[in-house]
C-alpha atoms as a PDB file:
ATOM      1  CA  MET A   1      -5.713  -0.290  27.566  1.00  0.00           C
ATOM      2  CA  ASP A   2      -3.521   2.392  26.001  1.00  0.00           C
ATOM      3  CA  VAL A   3      -0.545  -0.027  25.798  1.00  0.00           C
ATOM      4  CA  LEU A   4      -2.735  -2.799  24.328  1.00  0.00           C
ATOM      5  CA  LEU A   5      -4.043  -0.430  21.698  1.00  0.00           C
ATOM      6  CA  ARG A   6      -0.575   0.620  20.734  1.00  0.00           C
ATOM      7  CA  ILE A   7       0.513  -3.017  20.416  1.00  0.00           C
ATOM      8  CA  VAL A   8      -2.458  -3.874  18.202  1.00  0.00           C
ATOM      9  CA  LEU A   9      -1.817  -0.789  16.087  1.00  0.00           C
ATOM     10  CA  ALA A  10       1.853  -1.687  15.635  1.00  0.00           C
ATOM     11  CA  TYR A  11       0.996  -5.244  14.727  1.00  0.00           C
ATOM     12  CA  GLY A  12      -1.562  -3.979  12.165  1.00  0.00           C
ATOM     13  CA  GLY A  13       1.028  -1.696  10.706  1.00  0.00           C
ATOM     14  CA  VAL A  14       3.552  -4.514  10.312  1.00  0.00           C
ATOM     15  CA  LEU A  15       0.876  -6.695   8.829  1.00  0.00           C
ATOM     16  CA  ILE A  16      -0.143  -4.087   6.248  1.00  0.00           C
ATOM     17  CA  GLY A  17       3.514  -3.389   5.509  1.00  0.00           C
ATOM     18  CA  LEU A  18       4.136  -7.055   4.785  1.00  0.00           C
ATOM     19  CA  LEU A  19       1.091  -7.187   2.576  1.00  0.00           C
ATOM     20  CA  VAL A  20       2.195  -4.238   0.501  1.00  0.00           C
ATOM     21  CA  LEU A  21       5.720  -5.637   0.269  1.00  0.00           C
ATOM     22  CA  GLY A  22       4.340  -9.064  -0.900  1.00  0.00           C
ATOM     23  CA  ARG A  23       2.191  -7.353  -3.586  1.00  0.00           C
ATOM     24  CA  VAL A  24       5.119  -5.262  -4.843  1.00  0.00           C
ATOM     25  CA  ALA A  25       7.348  -8.325  -4.879  1.00  0.00           C
ATOM     26  CA  GLY A  26       4.784 -10.321  -6.909  1.00  0.00           C
ATOM     27  CA  TRP A  27       4.469  -7.363  -9.293  1.00  0.00           C
ATOM     28  CA  ILE A  28       8.243  -7.160  -9.847  1.00  0.00           C
ATOM     29  CA  SER A  29       8.299 -10.909 -10.473  1.00  0.00           C
ATOM     30  CA  SER A  30       5.518 -10.635 -12.990  1.00  0.00           C
ATOM     31  CA  VAL A  31       7.333  -7.833 -14.822  1.00  0.00           C
ATOM     32  CA  ASP A  32      10.509  -9.919 -14.892  1.00  0.00           C
ATOM     33  CA  GLN A  33       8.649 -12.943 -16.202  1.00  0.00           C
ATOM     34  CA  ALA A  34       6.892 -10.835 -18.933  1.00  0.00           C
ATOM     35  CA  ILE A  35      10.233  -9.510 -20.077  1.00  0.00           C
ATOM     36  CA  ARG A  36      11.855 -12.988 -20.148  1.00  0.00           C
ATOM     37  CA  SER A  37       9.004 -14.604 -22.017  1.00  0.00           C
ATOM     38  CA  GLY A  38       8.861 -12.056 -24.729  1.00  0.00           C
ATOM     39  CA  ARG A  39      12.618 -12.054 -25.634  1.00  0.00           C
ATOM     40  CA  GLY A  40      13.197 -12.236 -29.347  1.00  0.00           C
ATOM     41  CA  SER A  41      10.052 -10.296 -30.286  1.00  0.00           C
ATOM     42  CA  ALA A  42       9.874  -6.550 -29.473  1.00  0.00           C
ATOM     43  CA  GLY A  43       6.144  -6.319 -30.020  1.00  0.00           C
ATOM     44  CA  ARG A  44       5.415  -9.256 -27.764  1.00  0.00           C
ATOM     45  CA  THR A  45       7.667  -8.005 -25.044  1.00  0.00           C
ATOM     46  CA  ALA A  46       6.017  -4.507 -25.170  1.00  0.00           C
ATOM     47  CA  LEU A  47       2.426  -6.008 -25.096  1.00  0.00           C
ATOM     48  CA  GLY A  48       3.279  -8.375 -22.252  1.00  0.00           C
ATOM     49  CA  LEU A  49       5.007  -5.701 -20.268  1.00  0.00           C
ATOM     50  CA  ALA A  50       2.117  -3.217 -20.793  1.00  0.00           C
ATOM     51  CA  ALA A  51      -0.408  -5.804 -19.738  1.00  0.00           C
ATOM     52  CA  VAL A  52       1.535  -6.587 -16.557  1.00  0.00           C
ATOM     53  CA  LEU A  53       2.082  -2.990 -15.701  1.00  0.00           C
ATOM     54  CA  LEU A  54      -1.575  -2.046 -16.110  1.00  0.00           C
ATOM     55  CA  LEU A  55      -3.522  -5.098 -15.212  1.00  0.00           C
ATOM     56  CA  HIS A  56      -1.549  -6.521 -12.246  1.00  0.00           C
ATOM     57  CA  SER A  57      -2.940  -5.653  -8.791  1.00  0.00           C
ATOM     58  CA  GLY A  58       0.362  -4.665  -7.335  1.00  0.00           C
ATOM     59  CA  PRO A  59       0.742  -1.110  -8.626  1.00  0.00           C
ATOM     60  CA  TRP A  60      -2.957  -0.344  -7.947  1.00  0.00           C
ATOM     61  CA  PHE A  61      -2.630  -1.690  -4.414  1.00  0.00           C
ATOM     62  CA  VAL A  62       0.354   0.543  -3.796  1.00  0.00           C
ATOM     63  CA  VAL A  63      -1.530   3.543  -5.192  1.00  0.00           C
ATOM     64  CA  VAL A  64      -4.488   2.945  -2.863  1.00  0.00           C
ATOM     65  CA  VAL A  65      -2.213   2.485   0.178  1.00  0.00           C
ATOM     66  CA  GLY A  66      -0.175   5.628  -0.735  1.00  0.00           C
ATOM     67  CA  GLY A  67      -3.446   7.592  -1.128  1.00  0.00           C
ATOM     68  CA  LEU A  68      -4.651   6.451   2.289  1.00  0.00           C
ATOM     69  CA  CYS A  69      -1.344   7.484   3.847  1.00  0.00           C
ATOM     70  CA  ILE A  70      -1.505  10.891   2.211  1.00  0.00           C
ATOM     71  CA  CYS A  71      -5.069  11.377   3.488  1.00  0.00           C
ATOM     72  CA  ASP A  72      -3.907  10.427   6.942  1.00  0.00           C
ATOM     73  CA  LEU A  73      -1.077  12.912   6.815  1.00  0.00           C
ATOM     74  CA  VAL A  74      -3.463  15.614   5.617  1.00  0.00           C
ATOM     75  CA  VAL A  75      -5.947  14.924   8.422  1.00  0.00           C
ATOM     76  CA  SER A  76      -3.231  14.757  11.038  1.00  0.00           C
ATOM     77  CA  ALA A  77      -1.721  18.039   9.883  1.00  0.00           C
ATOM     78  CA  SER A  78      -5.124  19.845  10.311  1.00  0.00           C
ATOM     79  CA  PRO A  79      -5.079  20.949  13.948  1.00  0.00           C
ATOM     80  CA  GLY A  80      -8.775  20.791  14.600  1.00  0.00           C
ATOM     81  CA  VAL A  81      -9.776  17.813  12.534  1.00  0.00           C
ATOM     82  CA  GLY A  82      -6.986  15.523  13.431  1.00  0.00           C
ATOM     83  CA  LEU A  83      -7.363  16.074  17.187  1.00  0.00           C
ATOM     84  CA  ALA A  84     -11.097  15.561  17.008  1.00  0.00           C
ATOM     85  CA  LEU A  85     -10.601  12.278  15.036  1.00  0.00           C
ATOM     86  CA  ARG A  86      -7.977  10.998  17.495  1.00  0.00           C
ATOM     87  CA  ARG A  87     -10.258  11.752  20.391  1.00  0.00           C
ATOM     88  CA  ASN A  88     -13.155   9.906  18.822  1.00  0.00           C
ATOM     89  CA  ALA A  89     -10.981   6.913  17.824  1.00  0.00           C
ATOM     90  CA  LEU A  90      -9.080   6.492  21.131  1.00  0.00           C
ATOM     91  CA  GLY A  91     -11.994   7.336  23.425  1.00  0.00           C
ATOM     92  CA  PRO A  92     -11.721   9.365  26.674  1.00  0.00           C
ATOM     93  CA  SER A  93      -8.195   9.812  27.946  1.00  0.00           C
ATOM     94  CA  ASP A  94      -7.391   8.714  31.499  1.00  0.00           C
END
């Protein structure tokens, strides 16, 4: 069961990594498109770029994933808490 759990966790990590990469690539494409569509007017370019930077889901998704990773690192670094959480998540060791 331990090997199967590791395979599932690795697959989940790859899947989440690809989702984050796809969101970031879409965000970069949106920024590029906003810059290209606003050429010739500085105000229009600034407004479109600000809208893409703040309203697009890409940067917010990256912030949430980064926050979750930092929380995981903090919990893992705590000797008592991290060990207790790992024991509860993985069940009894054989």
